[in-house]
Amino acid sequence: MIYSDLKDKLQKPYRIQNYDNLLLSTLCSMFVYKGFPKTVWTQFIEIYRLLYGACAFWQYKGDLIVSKVDFGGFPYVNGIGQTAICTTEDGTVKQFDDWYNNNNIVVMLNNDIFTPDLSIGIFSDMLSEVDTSLKTLLLYSRLSPLPVAEDEKQRKVIDETLNSIFNGKIKSILSTNALSQLLPDENGNRGIQTVNLTDVNNSDKIQYISKFRDDLFRWFYSLNGMNSQGSSKLAQQTVDEVNQDNNASMIIPHMRLITAQKAVKELNEKFELSVDVSLSECWMNRLSNSDQEFKTTDKELEENEKTSEEITEKETEVANET
């Protein structure tokens, strides 16, 4: 494998890049863009939004495209630059003045606060550190005591004996053999000294590190609307505990959807298109479950209100009779 051939100092950037790609590809599948012309590579829309905080739609050589965008120039009253600086992957740069009111460009933000998704890099770094911990625990959990020889003759005999044992061969010791001088006597006062550089007892920590990695993924998915079963709680959980943040996890996806829908509406108006954006199937299912949870909660509230009203009426009747 290429990874195994890398030097230690290069393996961490490799792991981080791997997790960057994994988490980015997960979030890029959040939305489905429909009706766009072929000149707009819709798969880049989410990449630009997540990594740079925004993307821009404009015409390049007569064709509508999507590109990266930065803001500069004299700022609007809210501090955002009035000049949209668009850059294509082939190095073409085009500026649009007063982009907010310019009919030749539409800017799609990642969220309402003009920021990229910084959590991807943070989670990638933590997941990479988890991999390092797992690898270290794995290596140091190997039982490998080092025998200590007093001279070269004893070292040679010990090595030959260990090799025979590792190869499944039976080894005999002559009374004149250097190894026999190191065997413990009946009181256990003599023997081959060993140095233990590892500790197999620490191997039980591997399960906790693995659990922490699962919790990191679960945390990332939860922030982006995709709750997975389980939590950091090690004891048995109730149904309410498992589902307690289901609705809260849809906050960020909902905000990103609203900003995408706003830009799509502008695209249809400025470029006379008929395009649309919606949550992908996975997130649509998640939203459906969330709506069902709201309906169930509303129903329970109504039933509780009815029960309270019935109790109040009964108490009033009893009071009147008394």
Protein backbone atom coordinates (compact mmCIF):
# COMPACT_ATOMS: atom_id res chain seq x y z
CA MET A 1 0.00 0.00 0.00
CA ILE A 2 1.16 3.56 -0.73
CA TYR A 3 0.26 4.66 2.81
CA SER A 4 2.58 2.09 4.39
CA ASP A 5 5.47 3.32 2.26
CA LEU A 6 5.07 6.91 3.49
CA LYS A 7 7.33 8.34 6.17
CA ASP A 8 5.74 8.94 9.57
CA LYS A 9 5.65 12.73 9.13
CA LEU A 10 3.72 12.32 5.86
CA GLN A 11 1.19 9.80 7.15
CA LYS A 12 -0.74 12.33 9.27
CA PRO A 13 -1.43 14.74 6.34
CA TYR A 14 -2.48 11.68 4.32
CA ARG A 15 -4.98 10.64 7.02
CA ILE A 16 -6.32 14.19 7.38
CA GLN A 17 -6.81 14.48 3.62
CA ASN A 18 -8.64 11.17 3.62
CA TYR A 19 -11.04 12.32 6.33
CA ASP A 20 -11.44 15.72 4.62
CA ASN A 21 -12.58 13.94 1.46
CA LEU A 22 -14.83 11.56 3.38
CA LEU A 23 -16.64 14.25 5.37
CA LEU A 24 -16.83 16.65 2.42
CA SER A 25 -18.34 14.00 0.14
CA THR A 26 -20.90 13.24 2.86
CA LEU A 27 -22.09 16.85 3.06
CA CYS A 28 -21.97 17.30 -0.73
CA SER A 29 -24.74 14.72 -0.98
CA MET A 30 -27.12 16.85 1.10
CA PHE A 31 -28.84 18.59 -1.84
CA VAL A 32 -30.08 17.74 -5.33
CA TYR A 33 -29.97 20.42 -8.03
CA LYS A 34 -32.42 20.01 -10.91
CA GLY A 35 -32.90 21.68 -14.28
CA PHE A 36 -29.45 23.28 -14.56
CA PRO A 37 -27.79 23.48 -17.98
CA LYS A 38 -24.94 21.04 -18.62
CA THR A 39 -22.42 23.87 -18.50
CA VAL A 40 -23.10 24.15 -14.76
CA TRP A 41 -21.30 21.32 -12.99
CA THR A 42 -23.67 21.09 -10.06
CA GLN A 43 -21.34 18.82 -8.06
CA PHE A 44 -19.06 21.82 -7.58
CA ILE A 45 -21.81 23.94 -6.03
CA GLU A 46 -21.59 22.27 -2.64
CA ILE A 47 -17.80 21.96 -2.79
CA TYR A 48 -17.45 25.73 -3.24
CA ARG A 49 -20.11 26.55 -0.66
CA LEU A 50 -18.62 24.27 2.01
CA LEU A 51 -14.95 25.12 1.42
CA TYR A 52 -15.19 28.82 0.58
CA GLY A 53 -18.51 29.94 2.06
CA ALA A 54 -20.14 30.84 -1.26
CA CYS A 55 -20.24 30.17 -5.01
CA ALA A 56 -21.27 32.34 -7.95
CA PHE A 57 -23.26 31.74 -11.14
CA TRP A 58 -22.42 33.85 -14.19
CA GLN A 59 -21.97 33.54 -17.92
CA TYR A 60 -18.57 32.57 -19.28
CA LYS A 61 -18.24 32.75 -23.07
CA GLY A 62 -22.01 32.75 -23.33
CA ASP A 63 -22.55 29.73 -21.05
CA LEU A 64 -23.81 29.76 -17.48
CA ILE A 65 -21.21 28.34 -15.08
CA VAL A 66 -20.56 28.08 -11.35
CA SER A 67 -17.27 29.22 -9.80
CA LYS A 68 -15.54 30.24 -6.61
CA VAL A 69 -16.14 33.80 -5.43
CA ASP A 70 -14.47 36.27 -3.07
CA PHE A 71 -15.66 39.70 -2.01
CA GLY A 72 -13.64 42.90 -2.05
CA GLY A 73 -13.74 46.57 -2.91
CA PHE A 74 -15.69 49.22 -1.05
CA PRO A 75 -18.02 47.46 1.43
CA TYR A 76 -21.76 47.56 1.69
CA VAL A 77 -23.17 49.04 4.87
CA ASN A 78 -23.01 45.58 6.50
CA GLY A 79 -19.29 45.25 5.76
CA ILE A 80 -19.40 42.79 2.83
CA GLY A 81 -17.37 43.91 -0.19
CA GLN A 82 -19.40 45.22 -3.12
CA THR A 83 -17.11 43.60 -5.71
CA ALA A 84 -17.56 39.89 -6.43
CA ILE A 85 -14.28 38.39 -7.67
CA CYS A 86 -15.05 35.14 -9.50
CA THR A 87 -12.32 32.62 -10.32
CA THR A 88 -12.69 29.54 -12.53
CA GLU A 89 -10.59 26.40 -12.21
CA ASP A 90 -8.68 27.30 -15.40
CA GLY A 91 -7.53 30.58 -13.83
CA THR A 92 -10.01 32.98 -15.45
CA VAL A 93 -10.91 35.89 -13.15
CA LYS A 94 -13.90 38.19 -13.60
CA GLN A 95 -15.19 40.95 -11.36
CA PHE A 96 -18.77 42.06 -10.86
CA ASP A 97 -19.45 45.44 -9.25
CA ASP A 98 -22.39 45.82 -6.87
CA TRP A 99 -22.97 42.08 -7.09
CA TYR A 100 -25.99 42.17 -4.79
CA ASN A 101 -27.97 44.22 -7.35
CA ASN A 102 -26.15 43.01 -10.47
CA ASN A 103 -28.33 41.04 -12.90
CA ASN A 104 -25.29 39.29 -14.42
CA ILE A 105 -24.38 37.30 -11.33
CA VAL A 106 -26.07 35.27 -8.61
CA VAL A 107 -24.22 34.44 -5.40
CA MET A 108 -25.21 31.36 -3.40
CA LEU A 109 -24.05 31.47 0.22
CA ASN A 110 -23.28 28.46 2.38
CA ASN A 111 -25.22 29.89 5.31
CA ASP A 112 -26.62 33.14 6.70
CA ILE A 113 -23.28 34.22 8.19
CA PHE A 114 -21.11 34.13 5.03
CA THR A 115 -18.79 31.39 6.36
CA PRO A 116 -17.46 28.07 5.04
CA ASP A 117 -17.88 24.82 7.00
CA LEU A 118 -14.85 24.85 9.30
CA SER A 119 -16.03 21.77 11.18
CA ILE A 120 -14.80 19.48 8.40
CA GLY A 121 -11.16 20.32 9.11
CA ILE A 122 -11.65 20.14 12.87
CA PHE A 123 -13.25 16.70 12.76
CA SER A 124 -10.63 15.47 10.27
CA ASP A 125 -7.83 16.48 12.64
CA MET A 126 -9.46 14.78 15.64
CA LEU A 127 -10.18 11.61 13.67
CA SER A 128 -6.57 11.53 12.50
CA GLU A 129 -5.38 11.79 16.11
CA VAL A 130 -7.68 8.92 17.03
CA ASP A 131 -6.05 6.80 14.32
CA THR A 132 -2.64 7.65 15.75
CA SER A 133 -3.76 6.61 19.24
CA LEU A 134 -5.23 3.36 17.97
CA LYS A 135 -2.08 2.51 16.07
CA THR A 136 0.11 3.32 19.10
CA LEU A 137 -2.03 1.24 21.46
CA LEU A 138 -2.03 -1.59 18.97
CA LEU A 139 1.76 -1.64 18.72
CA TYR A 140 2.39 -1.23 22.43
CA SER A 141 -0.14 -3.92 23.34
CA ARG A 142 2.03 -6.58 21.72
CA LEU A 143 3.68 -8.88 24.26
CA SER A 144 7.38 -8.72 23.41
CA PRO A 145 9.71 -9.10 26.41
CA LEU A 146 13.36 -8.62 25.54
CA PRO A 147 15.73 -11.25 27.04
CA VAL A 148 18.96 -9.88 28.51
CA ALA A 149 22.15 -11.86 27.80
CA GLU A 150 25.38 -11.46 29.76
CA ASP A 151 27.67 -12.07 26.81
CA GLU A 152 27.68 -12.84 23.08
CA LYS A 153 27.61 -16.61 23.67
CA GLN A 154 24.45 -16.41 25.75
CA ARG A 155 22.82 -14.03 23.27
CA LYS A 156 23.43 -16.47 20.43
CA VAL A 157 21.96 -19.38 22.36
CA ILE A 158 18.91 -17.38 23.44
CA ASP A 159 18.24 -16.18 19.88
CA GLU A 160 18.53 -19.71 18.49
CA THR A 161 16.20 -21.05 21.17
CA LEU A 162 13.59 -18.35 20.59
CA ASN A 163 13.71 -18.89 16.83
CA SER A 164 13.11 -22.59 17.34
CA ILE A 165 10.14 -21.86 19.61
CA PHE A 166 8.64 -19.35 17.15
CA ASN A 167 9.02 -21.91 14.34
CA GLY A 168 7.32 -24.63 16.38
CA LYS A 169 10.45 -26.72 16.83
CA ILE A 170 11.36 -28.60 19.98
CA LYS A 171 14.61 -27.40 21.54
CA SER A 172 16.77 -29.38 23.91
CA ILE A 173 19.30 -27.92 26.34
CA LEU A 174 22.59 -29.63 27.13
CA SER A 175 23.88 -29.40 30.66
CA THR A 176 26.94 -27.64 29.29
CA ASN A 177 24.82 -25.22 27.24
CA ALA A 178 25.14 -21.53 28.13
CA LEU A 179 21.35 -21.33 28.37
CA SER A 180 21.20 -23.93 31.13
CA GLN A 181 23.27 -21.62 33.34
CA LEU A 182 20.48 -19.07 33.19
CA LEU A 183 17.61 -21.40 34.10
CA PRO A 184 16.03 -20.73 37.51
CA ASP A 185 16.96 -23.02 40.35
CA GLU A 186 14.49 -24.65 42.71
CA ASN A 187 14.22 -21.44 44.67
CA GLY A 188 13.63 -19.35 41.55
CA ASN A 189 16.72 -17.24 42.21
CA ARG A 190 18.18 -17.56 38.76
CA GLY A 191 16.68 -16.99 35.35
CA ILE A 192 16.82 -15.01 32.16
CA GLN A 193 16.17 -11.36 32.85
CA THR A 194 13.77 -9.61 30.50
CA VAL A 195 12.89 -6.02 29.76
CA ASN A 196 9.22 -5.25 28.99
CA LEU A 197 8.88 -2.25 26.68
CA THR A 198 5.19 -2.94 26.08
CA ASP A 199 2.13 -3.43 28.26
CA VAL A 200 -0.58 -5.78 27.05
CA ASN A 201 -2.88 -4.55 29.81
CA ASN A 202 -3.32 -1.30 27.88
CA SER A 203 -4.98 -3.18 25.03
CA ASP A 204 -8.33 -2.74 26.79
CA LYS A 205 -8.08 1.00 26.05
CA ILE A 206 -8.50 0.26 22.34
CA GLN A 207 -12.25 -0.22 22.76
CA TYR A 208 -12.60 3.21 24.40
CA ILE A 209 -10.65 4.92 21.61
CA SER A 210 -12.76 3.09 19.02
CA LYS A 211 -15.91 4.22 20.85
CA PHE A 212 -14.63 7.80 20.81
CA ARG A 213 -14.11 7.61 17.05
CA ASP A 214 -17.72 6.44 16.62
CA ASP A 215 -18.84 9.32 18.82
CA LEU A 216 -16.93 11.81 16.66
CA PHE A 217 -18.66 10.57 13.51
CA ARG A 218 -22.00 10.58 15.32
CA TRP A 219 -21.38 14.16 16.48
CA PHE A 220 -20.52 15.27 12.94
CA TYR A 221 -23.59 13.58 11.47
CA SER A 222 -25.79 15.01 14.22
CA LEU A 223 -24.63 18.56 13.49
CA ASN A 224 -25.66 18.05 9.89
CA GLY A 225 -29.04 16.45 10.40
CA MET A 226 -28.17 12.76 10.17
CA ASN A 227 -28.57 11.32 13.65
CA SER A 228 -27.24 7.81 14.12
CA GLN A 229 -28.39 5.47 16.84
CA GLY A 230 -26.44 5.57 20.07
CA SER A 231 -24.65 8.24 22.07
CA SER A 232 -21.63 8.83 24.28
CA LYS A 233 -23.61 7.48 27.23
CA LEU A 234 -22.31 4.01 28.09
CA ALA A 235 -25.28 2.96 30.23
CA GLN A 236 -28.56 1.73 28.79
CA GLN A 237 -30.59 4.51 27.16
CA THR A 238 -34.27 5.25 26.93
CA VAL A 239 -35.99 6.00 23.61
CA ASP A 240 -36.29 9.67 24.57
CA GLU A 241 -32.56 9.89 25.27
CA VAL A 242 -31.68 8.40 21.89
CA ASN A 243 -33.96 10.81 20.02
CA GLN A 244 -33.57 13.88 22.23
CA ASP A 245 -31.66 16.03 19.67
CA ASN A 246 -33.28 14.73 16.47
CA ASN A 247 -35.03 17.99 15.64
CA ALA A 248 -32.12 20.20 16.71
CA SER A 249 -29.84 18.38 14.26
CA MET A 250 -31.85 19.74 11.29
CA ILE A 251 -31.03 23.39 12.07
CA ILE A 252 -27.90 23.65 9.90
CA PRO A 253 -29.30 21.66 6.91
CA HIS A 254 -32.46 23.79 7.01
CA MET A 255 -30.45 27.03 7.04
CA ARG A 256 -28.29 25.86 4.12
CA LEU A 257 -31.39 24.82 2.19
CA ILE A 258 -32.98 28.26 2.67
CA THR A 259 -29.87 30.05 1.33
CA ALA A 260 -29.75 27.68 -1.66
CA GLN A 261 -33.45 28.21 -2.43
CA LYS A 262 -32.99 31.98 -2.27
CA ALA A 263 -30.17 31.82 -4.86
CA VAL A 264 -32.16 29.44 -7.08
CA LYS A 265 -35.05 31.90 -7.09
CA GLU A 266 -32.67 34.67 -8.22
CA LEU A 267 -31.25 32.40 -10.94
CA ASN A 268 -34.72 31.79 -12.36
CA GLU A 269 -35.48 35.50 -12.36
CA LYS A 270 -32.16 36.86 -13.70
CA PHE A 271 -31.33 34.17 -16.26
CA GLU A 272 -34.87 33.07 -17.14
CA LEU A 273 -34.31 29.49 -15.99
CA SER A 274 -36.48 26.88 -14.34
CA VAL A 275 -34.09 25.28 -11.85
CA ASP A 276 -34.75 23.87 -8.41
CA VAL A 277 -32.98 22.57 -5.33
CA SER A 278 -34.17 20.12 -2.70
CA LEU A 279 -32.81 17.90 0.02
CA SER A 280 -31.48 14.57 -1.19
CA GLU A 281 -33.27 11.32 -0.42
CA CYS A 282 -31.36 10.64 2.80
CA TRP A 283 -32.08 14.09 4.22
CA MET A 284 -35.68 14.03 2.94
CA ASN A 285 -36.25 10.83 4.92
CA ARG A 286 -34.64 12.49 7.92
CA LEU A 287 -36.89 15.55 7.53
CA SER A 288 -39.95 13.31 7.21
CA ASN A 289 -39.06 11.57 10.47
CA SER A 290 -38.53 14.96 12.10
CA ASP A 291 -41.95 16.17 10.94
CA GLN A 292 -43.52 13.00 12.30
CA GLU A 293 -41.85 13.62 15.65
CA PHE A 294 -43.35 17.14 15.71
CA LYS A 295 -46.81 15.75 14.87
CA THR A 296 -46.53 13.16 17.62
CA THR A 297 -45.46 15.82 20.10
CA ASP A 298 -48.33 18.12 19.12
CA LYS A 299 -50.77 15.25 19.46
CA GLU A 300 -49.44 14.42 22.92
CA LEU A 301 -49.73 18.08 23.94
CA GLU A 302 -53.35 18.22 22.75
CA GLU A 303 -54.18 15.01 24.64
CA ASN A 304 -52.53 16.39 27.79
CA GLU A 305 -54.51 19.62 27.44
CA LYS A 306 -57.77 17.67 27.06
CA THR A 307 -56.93 15.55 30.09
CA SER A 308 -56.16 18.68 32.13
CA GLU A 309 -59.43 20.27 31.07
CA GLU A 310 -61.38 17.13 32.04
CA ILE A 311 -59.70 17.04 35.44
CA THR A 312 -60.47 20.73 36.00
CA GLU A 313 -64.13 20.21 35.05
CA LYS A 314 -64.45 17.27 37.45
CA GLU A 315 -62.86 19.23 40.26
CA THR A 316 -65.29 22.10 39.58
CA GLU A 317 -68.30 19.74 39.67
CA VAL A 318 -67.17 18.20 42.95
CA ALA A 319 -66.64 21.64 44.44
CA ASN A 320 -70.13 22.76 43.38
CA GLU A 321 -71.75 19.64 44.84
CA THR A 322 -69.97 20.22 48.09
